[in-house]
Amino acid sequence: MTASPAADAAAALLSDLVAHGVRDLVLAPGSRSQALALAATALHRAGALRLHVRIDERVAGFTALGIARESGAPVAVVCTSGTAAGNLLPAVMEAFHAGIPLLLLTADRPPELRGIAANQATIQPGIFGPFVRWAHDAPVPGDGTDTGLGRRAIDAALGLSGTGLPGVAGPVQLNLPYREPLSGEVAVQAE
């Protein structure tokens, strides 16, 4: 199996998050987020990340919220595309009001597959409205670069940059569109 742009981008992003202090990732698996799931699994096996799998996105959101509340460190939560992201909203609202750093990694369809009446699809960029410190709709891997995205997301989640109240932690959304093939060889680098 050869690498795919989705697999390379997912591995680079998660490695960047780990390099900047993320130690826990909660995964609600799905097809569009498989590159993120495989990269997280590889980092877990390398001992660089604790991976927590939850089948239900709402449970995943609250699991991440609890870990972040207890540790004080940013925790990533991954979900697949479509209405799955909407199930994170209750935990996102709690994190916003309590000042808890969450990194919402919402896998998405590429722009050409948005708004074409596909099932299990919704408008994901900005879905969490005012309840995030920063939201970013990343470019599709291969269409552009977005270097330093992990660090920027962590800084915003910790209240060091982004929108909202300066110095106040909270949730951040990285909307991550991927094209087929969604997976390939996983090449992550654990620090």
N, C-alpha and C. Protein backbone atom coordinates (compact mmCIF):
# COMPACT_ATOMS: atom_id res chain seq x y z
N MET A 1 0.85 -1.18 0.00
CA MET A 1 0.00 0.00 0.00
C MET A 1 0.89 1.24 0.00
N THR A 2 0.55 2.23 -0.78
CA THR A 2 1.33 3.45 -0.82
C THR A 2 0.64 4.53 0.01
N ALA A 3 1.38 5.55 0.35
CA ALA A 3 0.82 6.65 1.13
C ALA A 3 -0.19 7.43 0.29
N SER A 4 -1.13 8.05 0.97
CA SER A 4 -2.09 8.93 0.31
C SER A 4 -1.90 10.33 0.88
N PRO A 5 -2.32 11.36 0.15
CA PRO A 5 -2.23 12.72 0.71
C PRO A 5 -2.97 12.83 2.04
N ALA A 6 -4.12 12.15 2.17
CA ALA A 6 -4.87 12.19 3.43
C ALA A 6 -4.06 11.57 4.56
N ALA A 7 -3.44 10.43 4.30
CA ALA A 7 -2.65 9.75 5.33
C ALA A 7 -1.45 10.61 5.73
N ASP A 8 -0.78 11.19 4.75
CA ASP A 8 0.39 12.03 5.04
C ASP A 8 -0.01 13.25 5.87
N ALA A 9 -1.11 13.91 5.49
CA ALA A 9 -1.56 15.11 6.20
C ALA A 9 -2.00 14.77 7.62
N ALA A 10 -2.72 13.67 7.79
CA ALA A 10 -3.18 13.26 9.12
C ALA A 10 -1.99 12.96 10.02
N ALA A 11 -1.01 12.23 9.49
CA ALA A 11 0.18 11.89 10.28
C ALA A 11 0.94 13.15 10.66
N ALA A 12 1.09 14.08 9.74
CA ALA A 12 1.82 15.32 10.02
C ALA A 12 1.09 16.14 11.09
N LEU A 13 -0.22 16.27 10.97
CA LEU A 13 -0.98 17.05 11.95
C LEU A 13 -0.90 16.43 13.34
N LEU A 14 -1.16 15.14 13.43
CA LEU A 14 -1.14 14.51 14.75
C LEU A 14 0.26 14.51 15.35
N SER A 15 1.28 14.32 14.53
CA SER A 15 2.65 14.40 15.03
C SER A 15 2.95 15.80 15.55
N ASP A 16 2.45 16.83 14.87
CA ASP A 16 2.63 18.21 15.31
C ASP A 16 1.91 18.44 16.64
N LEU A 17 0.71 17.91 16.78
CA LEU A 17 -0.02 18.06 18.04
C LEU A 17 0.73 17.39 19.19
N VAL A 18 1.24 16.19 18.94
CA VAL A 18 2.00 15.46 19.96
C VAL A 18 3.27 16.23 20.31
N ALA A 19 3.95 16.75 19.30
CA ALA A 19 5.18 17.51 19.55
C ALA A 19 4.94 18.75 20.40
N HIS A 20 3.70 19.25 20.39
CA HIS A 20 3.37 20.45 21.16
C HIS A 20 2.52 20.15 22.39
N GLY A 21 2.54 18.90 22.84
CA GLY A 21 1.96 18.61 24.15
C GLY A 21 0.69 17.81 24.23
N VAL A 22 0.08 17.45 23.12
CA VAL A 22 -1.13 16.63 23.20
C VAL A 22 -0.72 15.20 23.56
N ARG A 23 -1.34 14.67 24.60
CA ARG A 23 -1.01 13.31 25.05
C ARG A 23 -2.19 12.36 24.97
N ASP A 24 -3.40 12.92 24.78
CA ASP A 24 -4.61 12.09 24.71
C ASP A 24 -5.42 12.46 23.49
N LEU A 25 -5.96 11.44 22.83
CA LEU A 25 -6.84 11.63 21.69
C LEU A 25 -8.00 10.67 21.84
N VAL A 26 -9.22 11.21 21.71
CA VAL A 26 -10.43 10.39 21.76
C VAL A 26 -10.95 10.27 20.34
N LEU A 27 -11.17 9.05 19.91
CA LEU A 27 -11.56 8.75 18.54
C LEU A 27 -12.95 8.15 18.48
N ALA A 28 -13.82 8.78 17.70
CA ALA A 28 -15.11 8.20 17.32
C ALA A 28 -14.94 7.84 15.84
N PRO A 29 -14.62 6.59 15.54
CA PRO A 29 -14.20 6.23 14.17
C PRO A 29 -15.31 6.33 13.14
N GLY A 30 -14.87 6.58 11.91
CA GLY A 30 -15.77 6.63 10.76
C GLY A 30 -14.94 6.59 9.50
N SER A 31 -15.60 6.46 8.35
CA SER A 31 -14.86 6.27 7.12
C SER A 31 -14.04 7.49 6.72
N ARG A 32 -14.60 8.67 6.77
CA ARG A 32 -13.87 9.87 6.31
C ARG A 32 -12.69 10.20 7.23
N SER A 33 -12.75 9.77 8.48
CA SER A 33 -11.67 10.08 9.42
C SER A 33 -10.66 8.94 9.55
N GLN A 34 -10.68 7.99 8.62
CA GLN A 34 -9.80 6.84 8.78
C GLN A 34 -8.32 7.19 8.75
N ALA A 35 -7.91 8.18 8.00
CA ALA A 35 -6.49 8.58 8.00
C ALA A 35 -6.08 9.07 9.38
N LEU A 36 -6.94 9.85 10.04
CA LEU A 36 -6.66 10.32 11.40
C LEU A 36 -6.63 9.14 12.37
N ALA A 37 -7.56 8.20 12.21
CA ALA A 37 -7.61 7.03 13.09
C ALA A 37 -6.35 6.19 12.97
N LEU A 38 -5.90 5.97 11.76
CA LEU A 38 -4.70 5.16 11.55
C LEU A 38 -3.45 5.86 12.09
N ALA A 39 -3.36 7.17 11.89
CA ALA A 39 -2.22 7.92 12.42
C ALA A 39 -2.24 7.92 13.94
N ALA A 40 -3.42 8.08 14.53
CA ALA A 40 -3.52 8.06 16.00
C ALA A 40 -3.14 6.70 16.55
N THR A 41 -3.55 5.64 15.87
CA THR A 41 -3.20 4.29 16.30
C THR A 41 -1.69 4.08 16.24
N ALA A 42 -1.05 4.56 15.17
CA ALA A 42 0.40 4.42 15.05
C ALA A 42 1.12 5.18 16.17
N LEU A 43 0.65 6.38 16.50
CA LEU A 43 1.26 7.14 17.59
C LEU A 43 1.03 6.47 18.93
N HIS A 44 -0.13 5.88 19.10
CA HIS A 44 -0.43 5.13 20.32
C HIS A 44 0.52 3.94 20.47
N ARG A 45 0.69 3.20 19.39
CA ARG A 45 1.58 2.03 19.41
C ARG A 45 3.03 2.43 19.66
N ALA A 46 3.40 3.64 19.24
CA ALA A 46 4.76 4.13 19.46
C ALA A 46 4.94 4.69 20.87
N GLY A 47 3.85 4.75 21.64
CA GLY A 47 3.92 5.25 23.01
C GLY A 47 3.89 6.76 23.12
N ALA A 48 3.55 7.46 22.03
CA ALA A 48 3.55 8.92 22.03
C ALA A 48 2.19 9.52 22.38
N LEU A 49 1.15 8.70 22.40
CA LEU A 49 -0.21 9.20 22.54
C LEU A 49 -1.07 8.13 23.20
N ARG A 50 -1.94 8.55 24.10
CA ARG A 50 -2.94 7.63 24.66
C ARG A 50 -4.21 7.76 23.81
N LEU A 51 -4.64 6.65 23.25
CA LEU A 51 -5.80 6.63 22.36
C LEU A 51 -7.00 6.04 23.10
N HIS A 52 -8.11 6.76 23.07
CA HIS A 52 -9.35 6.34 23.71
C HIS A 52 -10.41 6.23 22.61
N VAL A 53 -10.93 5.05 22.35
CA VAL A 53 -11.91 4.86 21.28
C VAL A 53 -13.30 4.82 21.89
N ARG A 54 -14.19 5.64 21.34
CA ARG A 54 -15.59 5.67 21.75
C ARG A 54 -16.42 5.65 20.47
N ILE A 55 -17.36 4.74 20.39
CA ILE A 55 -18.16 4.58 19.17
C ILE A 55 -19.09 5.77 18.94
N ASP A 56 -19.64 6.33 19.98
CA ASP A 56 -20.61 7.42 19.89
C ASP A 56 -19.89 8.77 20.01
N GLU A 57 -20.16 9.69 19.10
CA GLU A 57 -19.48 10.99 19.10
C GLU A 57 -19.80 11.81 20.34
N ARG A 58 -21.03 11.75 20.81
CA ARG A 58 -21.38 12.51 22.01
C ARG A 58 -20.56 12.01 23.21
N VAL A 59 -20.44 10.70 23.33
CA VAL A 59 -19.63 10.11 24.40
C VAL A 59 -18.16 10.50 24.21
N ALA A 60 -17.69 10.47 22.97
CA ALA A 60 -16.30 10.86 22.69
C ALA A 60 -16.04 12.30 23.13
N GLY A 61 -16.97 13.19 22.82
CA GLY A 61 -16.82 14.59 23.21
C GLY A 61 -16.71 14.76 24.71
N PHE A 62 -17.58 14.07 25.45
CA PHE A 62 -17.55 14.21 26.90
C PHE A 62 -16.37 13.47 27.52
N THR A 63 -15.91 12.40 26.89
CA THR A 63 -14.70 11.73 27.38
C THR A 63 -13.51 12.68 27.24
N ALA A 64 -13.37 13.32 26.09
CA ALA A 64 -12.29 14.28 25.87
C ALA A 64 -12.40 15.45 26.85
N LEU A 65 -13.61 15.92 27.08
CA LEU A 65 -13.84 17.01 28.02
C LEU A 65 -13.36 16.62 29.42
N GLY A 66 -13.70 15.43 29.85
CA GLY A 66 -13.30 14.97 31.18
C GLY A 66 -11.79 14.84 31.32
N ILE A 67 -11.15 14.29 30.30
CA ILE A 67 -9.69 14.15 30.35
C ILE A 67 -9.03 15.52 30.38
N ALA A 68 -9.51 16.45 29.55
CA ALA A 68 -8.94 17.79 29.51
C ALA A 68 -9.20 18.54 30.82
N ARG A 69 -10.37 18.37 31.39
CA ARG A 69 -10.69 19.03 32.67
C ARG A 69 -9.74 18.53 33.75
N GLU A 70 -9.52 17.23 33.79
CA GLU A 70 -8.68 16.63 34.83
C GLU A 70 -7.21 16.97 34.64
N SER A 71 -6.74 16.94 33.39
CA SER A 71 -5.30 17.14 33.12
C SER A 71 -4.93 18.60 32.94
N GLY A 72 -5.86 19.42 32.49
CA GLY A 72 -5.56 20.81 32.16
C GLY A 72 -4.88 20.97 30.81
N ALA A 73 -4.61 19.86 30.15
CA ALA A 73 -3.93 19.89 28.85
C ALA A 73 -4.94 19.75 27.72
N PRO A 74 -4.62 20.29 26.53
CA PRO A 74 -5.52 20.12 25.39
C PRO A 74 -5.66 18.64 25.03
N VAL A 75 -6.86 18.23 24.75
CA VAL A 75 -7.17 16.86 24.34
C VAL A 75 -7.85 16.94 22.98
N ALA A 76 -7.42 16.08 22.06
CA ALA A 76 -8.01 16.04 20.72
C ALA A 76 -9.16 15.04 20.71
N VAL A 77 -10.20 15.37 19.96
CA VAL A 77 -11.30 14.44 19.71
C VAL A 77 -11.52 14.42 18.21
N VAL A 78 -11.57 13.21 17.64
CA VAL A 78 -11.70 13.03 16.19
C VAL A 78 -13.06 12.44 15.89
N CYS A 79 -13.73 12.99 14.88
CA CYS A 79 -14.97 12.38 14.39
C CYS A 79 -14.97 12.42 12.87
N THR A 80 -15.86 11.64 12.31
CA THR A 80 -15.99 11.58 10.86
C THR A 80 -16.86 12.73 10.36
N SER A 81 -17.11 12.75 9.08
CA SER A 81 -17.82 13.88 8.48
C SER A 81 -19.33 13.79 8.70
N GLY A 82 -19.96 14.91 8.43
CA GLY A 82 -21.42 14.98 8.45
C GLY A 82 -21.97 15.28 9.83
N THR A 83 -23.11 14.69 10.10
CA THR A 83 -23.81 14.99 11.34
C THR A 83 -23.05 14.51 12.56
N ALA A 84 -22.03 13.68 12.37
CA ALA A 84 -21.21 13.24 13.51
C ALA A 84 -20.65 14.45 14.25
N ALA A 85 -20.21 15.46 13.52
CA ALA A 85 -19.65 16.65 14.17
C ALA A 85 -20.68 17.33 15.07
N GLY A 86 -21.92 17.35 14.66
CA GLY A 86 -22.97 17.97 15.46
C GLY A 86 -23.14 17.34 16.83
N ASN A 87 -22.82 16.07 16.93
CA ASN A 87 -22.95 15.38 18.21
C ASN A 87 -21.91 15.83 19.23
N LEU A 88 -20.88 16.55 18.80
CA LEU A 88 -19.89 17.08 19.72
C LEU A 88 -20.35 18.38 20.39
N LEU A 89 -21.41 19.00 19.87
CA LEU A 89 -21.80 20.33 20.35
C LEU A 89 -22.04 20.42 21.85
N PRO A 90 -22.74 19.49 22.50
CA PRO A 90 -22.92 19.65 23.96
C PRO A 90 -21.60 19.72 24.73
N ALA A 91 -20.64 18.87 24.39
CA ALA A 91 -19.33 18.90 25.06
C ALA A 91 -18.58 20.18 24.70
N VAL A 92 -18.73 20.65 23.46
CA VAL A 92 -18.08 21.89 23.04
C VAL A 92 -18.61 23.06 23.85
N MET A 93 -19.91 23.12 24.04
CA MET A 93 -20.50 24.20 24.83
C MET A 93 -20.00 24.17 26.27
N GLU A 94 -19.94 22.98 26.86
CA GLU A 94 -19.43 22.85 28.23
C GLU A 94 -17.98 23.32 28.29
N ALA A 95 -17.16 22.90 27.33
CA ALA A 95 -15.75 23.30 27.31
C ALA A 95 -15.60 24.80 27.15
N PHE A 96 -16.43 25.40 26.32
CA PHE A 96 -16.39 26.85 26.10
C PHE A 96 -16.67 27.60 27.40
N HIS A 97 -17.75 27.22 28.06
CA HIS A 97 -18.15 27.94 29.27
C HIS A 97 -17.21 27.67 30.45
N ALA A 98 -16.57 26.51 30.48
CA ALA A 98 -15.67 26.16 31.58
C ALA A 98 -14.21 26.50 31.28
N GLY A 99 -13.91 26.94 30.06
CA GLY A 99 -12.54 27.29 29.71
C GLY A 99 -11.62 26.07 29.63
N ILE A 100 -12.12 25.01 29.00
CA ILE A 100 -11.37 23.76 28.89
C ILE A 100 -10.86 23.59 27.46
N PRO A 101 -9.56 23.32 27.29
CA PRO A 101 -8.98 23.22 25.93
C PRO A 101 -9.31 21.89 25.24
N LEU A 102 -10.13 21.95 24.21
CA LEU A 102 -10.44 20.79 23.38
C LEU A 102 -10.02 21.09 21.95
N LEU A 103 -9.51 20.09 21.27
CA LEU A 103 -9.16 20.20 19.86
C LEU A 103 -10.12 19.31 19.08
N LEU A 104 -11.03 19.90 18.35
CA LEU A 104 -12.05 19.18 17.59
C LEU A 104 -11.52 18.94 16.18
N LEU A 105 -11.18 17.71 15.88
CA LEU A 105 -10.67 17.36 14.56
C LEU A 105 -11.80 16.70 13.80
N THR A 106 -12.51 17.50 13.01
CA THR A 106 -13.69 17.02 12.29
C THR A 106 -13.32 16.72 10.85
N ALA A 107 -13.28 15.44 10.51
CA ALA A 107 -13.00 15.05 9.12
C ALA A 107 -14.18 15.53 8.26
N ASP A 108 -13.90 15.89 7.03
CA ASP A 108 -14.97 16.42 6.17
C ASP A 108 -14.75 15.98 4.73
N ARG A 109 -15.77 16.15 3.94
CA ARG A 109 -15.69 15.92 2.50
C ARG A 109 -14.92 17.09 1.89
N PRO A 110 -14.30 16.87 0.73
CA PRO A 110 -13.65 18.00 0.05
C PRO A 110 -14.72 18.97 -0.47
N PRO A 111 -14.35 20.22 -0.76
CA PRO A 111 -15.34 21.23 -1.16
C PRO A 111 -16.24 20.80 -2.32
N GLU A 112 -15.72 20.06 -3.29
CA GLU A 112 -16.55 19.67 -4.43
C GLU A 112 -17.64 18.65 -4.06
N LEU A 113 -17.55 18.06 -2.89
CA LEU A 113 -18.58 17.11 -2.44
C LEU A 113 -19.48 17.68 -1.35
N ARG A 114 -19.35 18.96 -1.12
CA ARG A 114 -20.21 19.63 -0.14
C ARG A 114 -21.43 20.21 -0.86
N GLY A 115 -22.56 20.17 -0.20
CA GLY A 115 -23.77 20.79 -0.73
C GLY A 115 -24.34 20.12 -1.97
N ILE A 116 -24.14 18.81 -2.12
CA ILE A 116 -24.66 18.11 -3.30
C ILE A 116 -25.68 17.04 -2.91
N ALA A 117 -26.31 17.21 -1.75
CA ALA A 117 -27.37 16.32 -1.26
C ALA A 117 -26.86 14.92 -0.93
N ALA A 118 -25.62 14.83 -0.53
CA ALA A 118 -25.09 13.54 -0.09
C ALA A 118 -25.65 13.20 1.29
N ASN A 119 -25.79 11.90 1.56
CA ASN A 119 -26.31 11.54 2.88
C ASN A 119 -25.23 11.75 3.93
N GLN A 120 -25.65 11.90 5.16
CA GLN A 120 -24.77 12.11 6.31
C GLN A 120 -23.78 13.25 6.07
N ALA A 121 -24.27 14.32 5.47
CA ALA A 121 -23.43 15.49 5.21
C ALA A 121 -24.09 16.71 5.84
N THR A 122 -23.28 17.67 6.19
CA THR A 122 -23.79 18.94 6.69
C THR A 122 -22.73 20.01 6.46
N ILE A 123 -23.03 21.22 6.80
CA ILE A 123 -22.07 22.32 6.67
C ILE A 123 -21.23 22.30 7.93
N GLN A 124 -20.00 21.84 7.81
CA GLN A 124 -19.14 21.68 8.99
C GLN A 124 -18.31 22.91 9.34
N PRO A 125 -17.78 23.66 8.36
CA PRO A 125 -17.03 24.85 8.76
C PRO A 125 -17.94 25.80 9.54
N GLY A 126 -17.53 26.14 10.73
CA GLY A 126 -18.31 27.05 11.56
C GLY A 126 -19.47 26.41 12.29
N ILE A 127 -19.59 25.10 12.29
CA ILE A 127 -20.73 24.42 12.89
C ILE A 127 -20.90 24.72 14.37
N PHE A 128 -19.80 25.02 15.06
CA PHE A 128 -19.87 25.26 16.50
C PHE A 128 -20.06 26.73 16.85
N GLY A 129 -20.20 27.57 15.81
CA GLY A 129 -20.53 28.98 16.00
C GLY A 129 -19.67 29.68 17.03
N PRO A 130 -20.31 30.38 17.97
CA PRO A 130 -19.55 31.17 18.94
C PRO A 130 -18.91 30.35 20.06
N PHE A 131 -19.08 29.03 20.04
CA PHE A 131 -18.61 28.19 21.14
C PHE A 131 -17.19 27.65 20.95
N VAL A 132 -16.46 28.20 19.99
CA VAL A 132 -15.05 27.83 19.81
C VAL A 132 -14.21 29.09 19.86
N ARG A 133 -12.98 28.94 20.31
CA ARG A 133 -12.04 30.05 20.37
C ARG A 133 -11.48 30.35 18.97
N TRP A 134 -11.44 29.31 18.14
CA TRP A 134 -10.95 29.47 16.77
C TRP A 134 -11.48 28.30 15.95
N ALA A 135 -11.89 28.56 14.73
CA ALA A 135 -12.31 27.51 13.79
C ALA A 135 -11.55 27.72 12.50
N HIS A 136 -11.08 26.62 11.92
CA HIS A 136 -10.28 26.70 10.70
C HIS A 136 -10.70 25.58 9.76
N ASP A 137 -11.05 25.93 8.54
CA ASP A 137 -11.36 24.96 7.49
C ASP A 137 -10.07 24.77 6.68
N ALA A 138 -9.37 23.69 6.95
CA ALA A 138 -8.06 23.44 6.34
C ALA A 138 -8.20 23.14 4.85
N PRO A 139 -7.14 23.38 4.08
CA PRO A 139 -7.18 22.98 2.68
C PRO A 139 -7.13 21.46 2.55
N VAL A 140 -7.64 20.97 1.44
CA VAL A 140 -7.56 19.55 1.15
C VAL A 140 -6.09 19.19 0.94
N PRO A 141 -5.61 18.12 1.57
CA PRO A 141 -4.22 17.73 1.35
C PRO A 141 -3.90 17.62 -0.14
N GLY A 142 -2.84 18.26 -0.54
CA GLY A 142 -2.46 18.29 -1.95
C GLY A 142 -2.88 19.57 -2.65
N ASP A 143 -3.86 20.30 -2.09
CA ASP A 143 -4.33 21.55 -2.69
C ASP A 143 -3.58 22.76 -2.15
N GLY A 144 -2.92 22.60 -1.04
CA GLY A 144 -2.21 23.71 -0.41
C GLY A 144 -1.57 23.22 0.86
N THR A 145 -0.77 24.06 1.43
CA THR A 145 -0.12 23.67 2.67
C THR A 145 -0.69 24.47 3.82
N ASP A 146 -0.60 23.89 4.99
CA ASP A 146 -1.09 24.53 6.19
C ASP A 146 -0.12 24.19 7.31
N THR A 147 1.10 24.66 7.17
CA THR A 147 2.14 24.30 8.13
C THR A 147 1.88 24.97 9.48
N GLY A 148 2.27 24.28 10.53
CA GLY A 148 2.11 24.81 11.87
C GLY A 148 0.69 24.80 12.38
N LEU A 149 -0.20 24.07 11.72
CA LEU A 149 -1.61 24.06 12.11
C LEU A 149 -1.81 23.53 13.52
N GLY A 150 -1.07 22.48 13.87
CA GLY A 150 -1.21 21.92 15.21
C GLY A 150 -0.85 22.92 16.29
N ARG A 151 0.26 23.60 16.11
CA ARG A 151 0.70 24.60 17.09
C ARG A 151 -0.30 25.74 17.20
N ARG A 152 -0.80 26.22 16.06
CA ARG A 152 -1.78 27.31 16.08
C ARG A 152 -3.05 26.89 16.82
N ALA A 153 -3.49 25.64 16.58
CA ALA A 153 -4.69 25.15 17.24
C ALA A 153 -4.49 25.05 18.75
N ILE A 154 -3.34 24.53 19.18
CA ILE A 154 -3.06 24.42 20.61
C ILE A 154 -2.99 25.80 21.25
N ASP A 155 -2.31 26.73 20.61
CA ASP A 155 -2.24 28.09 21.15
C ASP A 155 -3.63 28.69 21.33
N ALA A 156 -4.50 28.51 20.34
CA ALA A 156 -5.86 29.03 20.45
C ALA A 156 -6.64 28.32 21.56
N ALA A 157 -6.48 27.00 21.67
CA ALA A 157 -7.20 26.25 22.70
C ALA A 157 -6.75 26.64 24.10
N LEU A 158 -5.50 27.04 24.23
CA LEU A 158 -4.99 27.46 25.54
C LEU A 158 -5.23 28.95 25.81
N GLY A 159 -5.86 29.65 24.86
CA GLY A 159 -6.15 31.06 25.04
C GLY A 159 -4.97 31.97 24.76
N LEU A 160 -3.94 31.44 24.08
CA LEU A 160 -2.76 32.24 23.76
C LEU A 160 -2.93 33.04 22.48
N SER A 161 -3.88 32.64 21.64
CA SER A 161 -4.18 33.35 20.40
C SER A 161 -5.57 32.94 19.96
N GLY A 162 -6.02 33.47 18.87
CA GLY A 162 -7.35 33.12 18.36
C GLY A 162 -8.37 34.17 18.77
N THR A 163 -9.62 33.77 18.80
CA THR A 163 -10.69 34.70 19.13
C THR A 163 -11.19 34.43 20.54
N GLY A 164 -12.11 35.22 20.97
CA GLY A 164 -12.67 35.04 22.30
C GLY A 164 -11.89 35.84 23.32
N LEU A 165 -11.90 35.37 24.53
CA LEU A 165 -11.24 36.07 25.61
C LEU A 165 -9.76 35.72 25.67
N PRO A 166 -8.88 36.70 25.54
CA PRO A 166 -7.45 36.41 25.64
C PRO A 166 -7.14 35.79 27.00
N GLY A 167 -6.31 34.76 26.98
CA GLY A 167 -5.93 34.10 28.22
C GLY A 167 -6.93 33.08 28.73
N VAL A 168 -8.03 32.87 28.01
CA VAL A 168 -9.04 31.90 28.45
C VAL A 168 -9.02 30.72 27.47
N ALA A 169 -8.82 29.54 28.02
CA ALA A 169 -8.79 28.33 27.20
C ALA A 169 -10.19 28.00 26.70
N GLY A 170 -10.26 27.10 25.71
CA GLY A 170 -11.55 26.66 25.19
C GLY A 170 -11.37 25.78 23.98
N PRO A 171 -12.48 25.36 23.39
CA PRO A 171 -12.42 24.47 22.24
C PRO A 171 -12.02 25.18 20.95
N VAL A 172 -11.40 24.40 20.07
CA VAL A 172 -10.95 24.85 18.75
C VAL A 172 -11.36 23.79 17.74
N GLN A 173 -11.88 24.22 16.59
CA GLN A 173 -12.25 23.27 15.54
C GLN A 173 -11.28 23.35 14.38
N LEU A 174 -10.71 22.21 14.02
CA LEU A 174 -9.99 22.06 12.76
C LEU A 174 -10.85 21.19 11.87
N ASN A 175 -11.43 21.78 10.85
CA ASN A 175 -12.23 21.02 9.89
C ASN A 175 -11.28 20.53 8.81
N LEU A 176 -11.21 19.22 8.64
CA LEU A 176 -10.17 18.59 7.82
C LEU A 176 -10.78 17.82 6.65
N PRO A 177 -10.87 18.46 5.48
CA PRO A 177 -11.42 17.78 4.32
C PRO A 177 -10.40 16.82 3.68
N TYR A 178 -10.87 15.63 3.35
CA TYR A 178 -10.01 14.62 2.72
C TYR A 178 -10.68 14.08 1.47
N ARG A 179 -9.85 13.84 0.44
CA ARG A 179 -10.30 13.17 -0.79
C ARG A 179 -9.87 11.72 -0.74
N GLU A 180 -10.48 10.92 -1.59
CA GLU A 180 -10.05 9.54 -1.78
C GLU A 180 -8.67 9.54 -2.43
N PRO A 181 -7.82 8.58 -2.16
CA PRO A 181 -7.99 7.52 -1.17
C PRO A 181 -7.80 8.08 0.23
N LEU A 182 -8.61 7.59 1.15
CA LEU A 182 -8.61 8.12 2.51
C LEU A 182 -7.52 7.54 3.39
N SER A 183 -6.88 6.48 2.93
CA SER A 183 -5.82 5.91 3.75
C SER A 183 -4.71 5.38 2.87
N GLY A 184 -3.62 5.08 3.51
CA GLY A 184 -2.44 4.53 2.85
C GLY A 184 -1.47 4.18 3.95
N GLU A 185 -0.23 4.00 3.59
CA GLU A 185 0.79 3.71 4.60
C GLU A 185 0.83 4.85 5.61
N VAL A 186 0.98 4.49 6.86
CA VAL A 186 1.02 5.49 7.92
C VAL A 186 2.49 5.71 8.29
N ALA A 187 2.91 6.96 8.17
CA ALA A 187 4.28 7.32 8.53
C ALA A 187 4.24 8.46 9.53
N VAL A 188 4.19 8.11 10.82
CA VAL A 188 4.20 9.12 11.85
C VAL A 188 5.55 9.14 12.53
N GLN A 189 5.88 10.29 13.07
CA GLN A 189 7.15 10.42 13.77
C GLN A 189 6.86 10.81 15.19
N ALA A 190 7.14 9.93 16.11
CA ALA A 190 6.96 10.21 17.53
C ALA A 190 8.23 10.84 18.06
N GLU A 191 8.08 11.93 18.77
CA GLU A 191 9.24 12.64 19.34
C GLU A 191 9.75 11.89 20.53
